[in-house]
Amino acid sequence: MATKGKELRSPKGGLDVYAILEKYYQKHSQAYQILTIHSECVAKKALEIAKRRKEWKLDKSLIYEGAMLHDIGIFRCDAPSIGCVGEEPYIKHGVIGSELLMSEGLPMHALICERHTGVGITLEMIIQRNLPLPHREMVPISLEEQIICFADCFFSKSGDPTKEKSVEQIVKGMSKHGAEQVLKFQTWCKLFLD
């Protein structure tokens, strides 16, 4: 069950992310429950990282809101194990979410959606692997985007969405996507966890 805890509210009282999610999801559906639990876990971890890096002057509201909305596009994907019965391949959920958030007038949040998958998806990867994605770079650029993307790696929407994966588990799972992906994640570990 989603917690909507006070510690997970936007630090500056910004967007009502739950109201945005509820425009696209039925509140008591499996997809909504999994999405909100996962997003709350990602938001909490991302905000913990931001709190430790005060000298970076990060936009904590954007981190919270972006983490809560980063997977908004999953409902249009074919992922019945998490309650999503759309027709699109799951790899497209970031692009779909980006389009939704652009239509909501949230361009910064839209970029987070588009750029959060794995450690980001390069144009080279899209072309080489013939991925069903627009031909453009989809890698996190700002520190806020990178922190959300990094925090997302620690939580899955399948199984227990509240169980945090270890760095070793993430590296093992990510290794099937290439050494470059693992190296980027390990670089983030040094940047965000040390």
C-alpha atoms as a PDB file:
ATOM      1  CA  MET A   1       0.000   0.000   0.000  1.00  0.00           C
ATOM      2  CA  ALA A   2       1.322   3.454  -0.881  1.00  0.00           C
ATOM      3  CA  THR A   3       2.329   5.407   2.211  1.00  0.00           C
ATOM      4  CA  LYS A   4       2.054   9.053   1.216  1.00  0.00           C
ATOM      5  CA  GLY A   5       4.229   9.743   4.256  1.00  0.00           C
ATOM      6  CA  LYS A   6       5.111  13.310   5.250  1.00  0.00           C
ATOM      7  CA  GLU A   7       8.799  12.621   4.623  1.00  0.00           C
ATOM      8  CA  LEU A   8       7.900  11.880   1.011  1.00  0.00           C
ATOM      9  CA  ARG A   9       6.119  15.147   0.284  1.00  0.00           C
ATOM     10  CA  SER A  10       7.718  17.602  -2.084  1.00  0.00           C
ATOM     11  CA  PRO A  11      10.235  19.567   0.035  1.00  0.00           C
ATOM     12  CA  LYS A  12       8.844  22.921  -1.121  1.00  0.00           C
ATOM     13  CA  GLY A  13       5.186  21.895  -1.266  1.00  0.00           C
ATOM     14  CA  GLY A  14       5.304  21.607  -5.070  1.00  0.00           C
ATOM     15  CA  LEU A  15       3.303  19.382  -7.377  1.00  0.00           C
ATOM     16  CA  ASP A  16       0.691  16.971  -6.121  1.00  0.00           C
ATOM     17  CA  VAL A  17       2.304  13.975  -7.795  1.00  0.00           C
ATOM     18  CA  TYR A  18      -0.436  11.629  -6.595  1.00  0.00           C
ATOM     19  CA  ALA A  19      -3.076  13.739  -8.368  1.00  0.00           C
ATOM     20  CA  ILE A  20      -1.048  13.507 -11.584  1.00  0.00           C
ATOM     21  CA  LEU A  21      -0.629   9.735 -11.236  1.00  0.00           C
ATOM     22  CA  GLU A  22      -4.341   9.331 -10.524  1.00  0.00           C
ATOM     23  CA  LYS A  23      -5.187  10.997 -13.851  1.00  0.00           C
ATOM     24  CA  TYR A  24      -3.693   7.932 -15.549  1.00  0.00           C
ATOM     25  CA  TYR A  25      -4.178   5.130 -12.990  1.00  0.00           C
ATOM     26  CA  GLN A  26      -7.091   3.833 -10.973  1.00  0.00           C
ATOM     27  CA  LYS A  27      -6.076   4.426  -7.375  1.00  0.00           C
ATOM     28  CA  HIS A  28      -6.712   0.893  -6.140  1.00  0.00           C
ATOM     29  CA  SER A  29      -5.340  -0.933  -9.178  1.00  0.00           C
ATOM     30  CA  GLN A  30      -2.357  -3.275  -8.970  1.00  0.00           C
ATOM     31  CA  ALA A  31      -0.377  -1.055 -11.351  1.00  0.00           C
ATOM     32  CA  TYR A  32      -0.978   2.056  -9.212  1.00  0.00           C
ATOM     33  CA  GLN A  33      -0.028   0.303  -5.984  1.00  0.00           C
ATOM     34  CA  ILE A  34       3.187  -1.128  -7.443  1.00  0.00           C
ATOM     35  CA  LEU A  35       4.053   2.152  -9.164  1.00  0.00           C
ATOM     36  CA  THR A  36       3.565   4.317  -6.083  1.00  0.00           C
ATOM     37  CA  ILE A  37       5.421   1.971  -3.732  1.00  0.00           C
ATOM     38  CA  HIS A  38       8.336   1.718  -6.177  1.00  0.00           C
ATOM     39  CA  SER A  39       8.394   5.465  -6.803  1.00  0.00           C
ATOM     40  CA  GLU A  40       8.300   6.268  -3.083  1.00  0.00           C
ATOM     41  CA  CYS A  41      11.312   3.988  -2.520  1.00  0.00           C
ATOM     42  CA  VAL A  42      13.206   5.648  -5.373  1.00  0.00           C
ATOM     43  CA  ALA A  43      12.264   9.128  -4.102  1.00  0.00           C
ATOM     44  CA  LYS A  44      13.399   8.323  -0.570  1.00  0.00           C
ATOM     45  CA  LYS A  45      16.796   7.008  -1.726  1.00  0.00           C
ATOM     46  CA  ALA A  46      17.285   9.915  -4.150  1.00  0.00           C
ATOM     47  CA  LEU A  47      16.474  12.462  -1.435  1.00  0.00           C
ATOM     48  CA  GLU A  48      18.877  10.729   0.977  1.00  0.00           C
ATOM     49  CA  ILE A  49      21.648  11.146  -1.606  1.00  0.00           C
ATOM     50  CA  ALA A  50      20.690  14.792  -2.174  1.00  0.00           C
ATOM     51  CA  LYS A  51      20.712  15.459   1.580  1.00  0.00           C
ATOM     52  CA  ARG A  52      24.314  14.214   1.830  1.00  0.00           C
ATOM     53  CA  ARG A  53      25.390  16.469  -1.048  1.00  0.00           C
ATOM     54  CA  LYS A  54      24.279  19.895   0.233  1.00  0.00           C
ATOM     55  CA  GLU A  55      27.241  21.570  -1.484  1.00  0.00           C
ATOM     56  CA  TRP A  56      25.729  20.669  -4.879  1.00  0.00           C
ATOM     57  CA  LYS A  57      22.661  22.879  -4.273  1.00  0.00           C
ATOM     58  CA  LEU A  58      20.334  20.330  -5.851  1.00  0.00           C
ATOM     59  CA  ASP A  59      16.672  20.976  -6.644  1.00  0.00           C
ATOM     60  CA  LYS A  60      15.144  18.630  -4.069  1.00  0.00           C
ATOM     61  CA  SER A  61      11.595  19.337  -5.243  1.00  0.00           C
ATOM     62  CA  LEU A  62      12.510  18.235  -8.760  1.00  0.00           C
ATOM     63  CA  ILE A  63      14.238  15.147  -7.363  1.00  0.00           C
ATOM     64  CA  TYR A  64      11.168  14.177  -5.336  1.00  0.00           C
ATOM     65  CA  GLU A  65       8.660  14.931  -8.096  1.00  0.00           C
ATOM     66  CA  GLY A  66      10.790  13.372 -10.829  1.00  0.00           C
ATOM     67  CA  ALA A  67      11.333  10.212  -8.791  1.00  0.00           C
ATOM     68  CA  MET A  68       7.609   9.943  -8.114  1.00  0.00           C
ATOM     69  CA  LEU A  69       6.707  10.421 -11.795  1.00  0.00           C
ATOM     70  CA  HIS A  70       9.609   8.680 -13.573  1.00  0.00           C
ATOM     71  CA  ASP A  71       7.617   5.507 -14.370  1.00  0.00           C
ATOM     72  CA  ILE A  72       4.250   7.131 -15.137  1.00  0.00           C
ATOM     73  CA  GLY A  73       4.280   5.626 -18.655  1.00  0.00           C
ATOM     74  CA  ILE A  74       4.217   1.955 -17.607  1.00  0.00           C
ATOM     75  CA  PHE A  75       0.422   1.593 -17.914  1.00  0.00           C
ATOM     76  CA  ARG A  76       0.659   1.745 -21.711  1.00  0.00           C
ATOM     77  CA  CYS A  77       3.129  -1.148 -21.740  1.00  0.00           C
ATOM     78  CA  ASP A  78       2.623  -4.890 -21.936  1.00  0.00           C
ATOM     79  CA  ALA A  79       3.715  -5.883 -18.421  1.00  0.00           C
ATOM     80  CA  PRO A  80       0.856  -7.909 -16.904  1.00  0.00           C
ATOM     81  CA  SER A  81       2.982  -9.080 -13.946  1.00  0.00           C
ATOM     82  CA  ILE A  82       2.815  -5.515 -12.600  1.00  0.00           C
ATOM     83  CA  GLY A  83      -0.768  -4.882 -13.669  1.00  0.00           C
ATOM     84  CA  CYS A  84       0.015  -3.079 -16.931  1.00  0.00           C
ATOM     85  CA  VAL A  85      -1.979  -4.342 -19.906  1.00  0.00           C
ATOM     86  CA  GLY A  86      -1.027  -1.872 -22.626  1.00  0.00           C
ATOM     87  CA  GLU A  87       0.369  -2.831 -26.012  1.00  0.00           C
ATOM     88  CA  GLU A  88       3.756  -1.107 -26.075  1.00  0.00           C
ATOM     89  CA  PRO A  89       7.048  -2.860 -25.262  1.00  0.00           C
ATOM     90  CA  TYR A  90       8.225  -2.043 -21.731  1.00  0.00           C
ATOM     91  CA  ILE A  91      11.422  -0.391 -23.013  1.00  0.00           C
ATOM     92  CA  LYS A  92       9.196   2.466 -24.251  1.00  0.00           C
ATOM     93  CA  HIS A  93       7.781   3.406 -20.835  1.00  0.00           C
ATOM     94  CA  GLY A  94      10.243   6.271 -20.403  1.00  0.00           C
ATOM     95  CA  VAL A  95       9.395   7.843 -23.754  1.00  0.00           C
ATOM     96  CA  ILE A  96       5.675   7.350 -23.121  1.00  0.00           C
ATOM     97  CA  GLY A  97       6.012   8.966 -19.698  1.00  0.00           C
ATOM     98  CA  SER A  98       7.962  11.832 -21.223  1.00  0.00           C
ATOM     99  CA  GLU A  99       5.153  12.498 -23.709  1.00  0.00           C
ATOM    100  CA  LEU A 100       2.555  12.418 -20.909  1.00  0.00           C
ATOM    101  CA  LEU A 101       4.489  14.851 -18.739  1.00  0.00           C
ATOM    102  CA  MET A 102       5.153  17.197 -21.666  1.00  0.00           C
ATOM    103  CA  SER A 103       1.377  17.294 -22.182  1.00  0.00           C
ATOM    104  CA  GLU A 104       1.060  18.169 -18.464  1.00  0.00           C
ATOM    105  CA  GLY A 105       3.430  21.120 -18.979  1.00  0.00           C
ATOM    106  CA  LEU A 106       6.306  19.506 -17.056  1.00  0.00           C
ATOM    107  CA  PRO A 107       9.314  19.501 -19.413  1.00  0.00           C
ATOM    108  CA  MET A 108      11.988  18.908 -16.736  1.00  0.00           C
ATOM    109  CA  HIS A 109      10.047  15.961 -15.335  1.00  0.00           C
ATOM    110  CA  ALA A 110       9.540  14.675 -18.888  1.00  0.00           C
ATOM    111  CA  LEU A 111      13.313  14.564 -19.409  1.00  0.00           C
ATOM    112  CA  ILE A 112      13.696  12.521 -16.222  1.00  0.00           C
ATOM    113  CA  CYS A 113      11.169   9.995 -17.579  1.00  0.00           C
ATOM    114  CA  GLU A 114      12.904   9.729 -20.912  1.00  0.00           C
ATOM    115  CA  ARG A 115      16.419   9.424 -19.507  1.00  0.00           C
ATOM    116  CA  HIS A 116      16.022   7.153 -16.462  1.00  0.00           C
ATOM    117  CA  THR A 117      16.062   3.635 -17.956  1.00  0.00           C
ATOM    118  CA  GLY A 118      19.033   1.607 -16.699  1.00  0.00           C
ATOM    119  CA  VAL A 119      21.849   4.145 -16.541  1.00  0.00           C
ATOM    120  CA  GLY A 120      20.481   5.779 -19.676  1.00  0.00           C
ATOM    121  CA  ILE A 121      20.184   4.604 -23.264  1.00  0.00           C
ATOM    122  CA  THR A 122      22.584   5.980 -25.854  1.00  0.00           C
ATOM    123  CA  LEU A 123      21.729   6.561 -29.489  1.00  0.00           C
ATOM    124  CA  GLU A 124      24.397   3.985 -30.334  1.00  0.00           C
ATOM    125  CA  MET A 125      22.623   1.370 -28.182  1.00  0.00           C
ATOM    126  CA  ILE A 126      19.263   2.175 -29.774  1.00  0.00           C
ATOM    127  CA  ILE A 127      20.670   1.687 -33.268  1.00  0.00           C
ATOM    128  CA  GLN A 128      22.914  -1.331 -32.531  1.00  0.00           C
ATOM    129  CA  ARG A 129      20.203  -3.208 -30.635  1.00  0.00           C
ATOM    130  CA  ASN A 130      17.401  -2.066 -32.929  1.00  0.00           C
ATOM    131  CA  LEU A 131      15.400  -0.820 -29.937  1.00  0.00           C
ATOM    132  CA  PRO A 132      11.887   0.499 -30.660  1.00  0.00           C
ATOM    133  CA  LEU A 133      12.814   3.995 -29.485  1.00  0.00           C
ATOM    134  CA  PRO A 134      13.303   7.385 -31.149  1.00  0.00           C
ATOM    135  CA  HIS A 135      16.819   7.814 -32.485  1.00  0.00           C
ATOM    136  CA  ARG A 136      18.264  10.206 -29.898  1.00  0.00           C
ATOM    137  CA  GLU A 137      20.377  10.174 -26.748  1.00  0.00           C
ATOM    138  CA  MET A 138      18.365   9.232 -23.664  1.00  0.00           C
ATOM    139  CA  VAL A 139      20.975   9.519 -20.938  1.00  0.00           C
ATOM    140  CA  PRO A 140      20.618  11.520 -17.721  1.00  0.00           C
ATOM    141  CA  ILE A 141      22.494  14.818 -17.872  1.00  0.00           C
ATOM    142  CA  SER A 142      21.730  16.959 -14.811  1.00  0.00           C
ATOM    143  CA  LEU A 143      22.768  15.777 -11.352  1.00  0.00           C
ATOM    144  CA  GLU A 144      19.088  15.530 -10.417  1.00  0.00           C
ATOM    145  CA  GLU A 145      18.446  13.220 -13.401  1.00  0.00           C
ATOM    146  CA  GLN A 146      21.501  11.114 -12.585  1.00  0.00           C
ATOM    147  CA  ILE A 147      20.548  10.745  -8.912  1.00  0.00           C
ATOM    148  CA  ILE A 148      17.019   9.581  -9.790  1.00  0.00           C
ATOM    149  CA  CYS A 149      18.345   7.169 -12.407  1.00  0.00           C
ATOM    150  CA  PHE A 150      20.886   5.816  -9.904  1.00  0.00           C
ATOM    151  CA  ALA A 151      18.314   5.451  -7.097  1.00  0.00           C
ATOM    152  CA  ASP A 152      15.946   3.652  -9.489  1.00  0.00           C
ATOM    153  CA  CYS A 153      18.564   0.942 -10.049  1.00  0.00           C
ATOM    154  CA  PHE A 154      18.148  -0.175  -6.423  1.00  0.00           C
ATOM    155  CA  PHE A 155      14.436  -1.062  -6.644  1.00  0.00           C
ATOM    156  CA  SER A 156      12.407  -3.383  -8.842  1.00  0.00           C
ATOM    157  CA  LYS A 157       8.682  -3.287  -9.525  1.00  0.00           C
ATOM    158  CA  SER A 158       8.545  -7.091  -9.510  1.00  0.00           C
ATOM    159  CA  GLY A 159       8.812  -9.172  -6.354  1.00  0.00           C
ATOM    160  CA  ASP A 160       8.988  -7.028  -3.223  1.00  0.00           C
ATOM    161  CA  PRO A 161       9.168  -3.440  -4.518  1.00  0.00           C
ATOM    162  CA  THR A 162      10.415  -2.187  -1.133  1.00  0.00           C
ATOM    163  CA  LYS A 163      13.448  -4.506  -1.033  1.00  0.00           C
ATOM    164  CA  GLU A 164      16.603  -2.597  -1.854  1.00  0.00           C
ATOM    165  CA  LYS A 165      19.077  -4.431  -4.077  1.00  0.00           C
ATOM    166  CA  SER A 166      22.754  -4.506  -3.178  1.00  0.00           C
ATOM    167  CA  VAL A 167      25.347  -2.880  -5.417  1.00  0.00           C
ATOM    168  CA  GLU A 168      26.580  -6.398  -6.265  1.00  0.00           C
ATOM    169  CA  GLN A 169      23.095  -7.511  -7.377  1.00  0.00           C
ATOM    170  CA  ILE A 170      22.719  -4.417  -9.555  1.00  0.00           C
ATOM    171  CA  VAL A 171      26.131  -4.901 -11.177  1.00  0.00           C
ATOM    172  CA  LYS A 172      25.363  -8.564 -11.870  1.00  0.00           C
ATOM    173  CA  GLY A 173      22.021  -7.716 -13.498  1.00  0.00           C
ATOM    174  CA  MET A 174      23.439  -4.774 -15.414  1.00  0.00           C
ATOM    175  CA  SER A 175      26.393  -6.755 -16.794  1.00  0.00           C
ATOM    176  CA  LYS A 176      24.125  -8.387 -19.391  1.00  0.00           C
ATOM    177  CA  HIS A 177      23.666  -4.924 -20.917  1.00  0.00           C
ATOM    178  CA  GLY A 178      27.385  -4.342 -21.347  1.00  0.00           C
ATOM    179  CA  ALA A 179      30.537  -3.273 -19.532  1.00  0.00           C
ATOM    180  CA  GLU A 180      29.889   0.382 -20.358  1.00  0.00           C
ATOM    181  CA  GLN A 181      26.650   0.305 -18.352  1.00  0.00           C
ATOM    182  CA  VAL A 182      28.381  -1.312 -15.378  1.00  0.00           C
ATOM    183  CA  LEU A 183      31.223   1.219 -15.491  1.00  0.00           C
ATOM    184  CA  LYS A 184      28.772   4.130 -15.469  1.00  0.00           C
ATOM    185  CA  PHE A 185      26.912   2.641 -12.494  1.00  0.00           C
ATOM    186  CA  GLN A 186      30.178   2.078 -10.601  1.00  0.00           C
ATOM    187  CA  THR A 187      31.195   5.679 -11.294  1.00  0.00           C
ATOM    188  CA  TRP A 188      27.867   6.799  -9.829  1.00  0.00           C
ATOM    189  CA  CYS A 189      28.490   4.616  -6.760  1.00  0.00           C
ATOM    190  CA  LYS A 190      31.690   6.562  -6.078  1.00  0.00           C
ATOM    191  CA  LEU A 191      29.975   9.883  -6.731  1.00  0.00           C
ATOM    192  CA  PHE A 192      26.764   9.296  -4.791  1.00  0.00           C
ATOM    193  CA  LEU A 193      27.587   6.739  -2.084  1.00  0.00           C
ATOM    194  CA  ASP A 194      31.114   7.650  -0.926  1.00  0.00           C
END
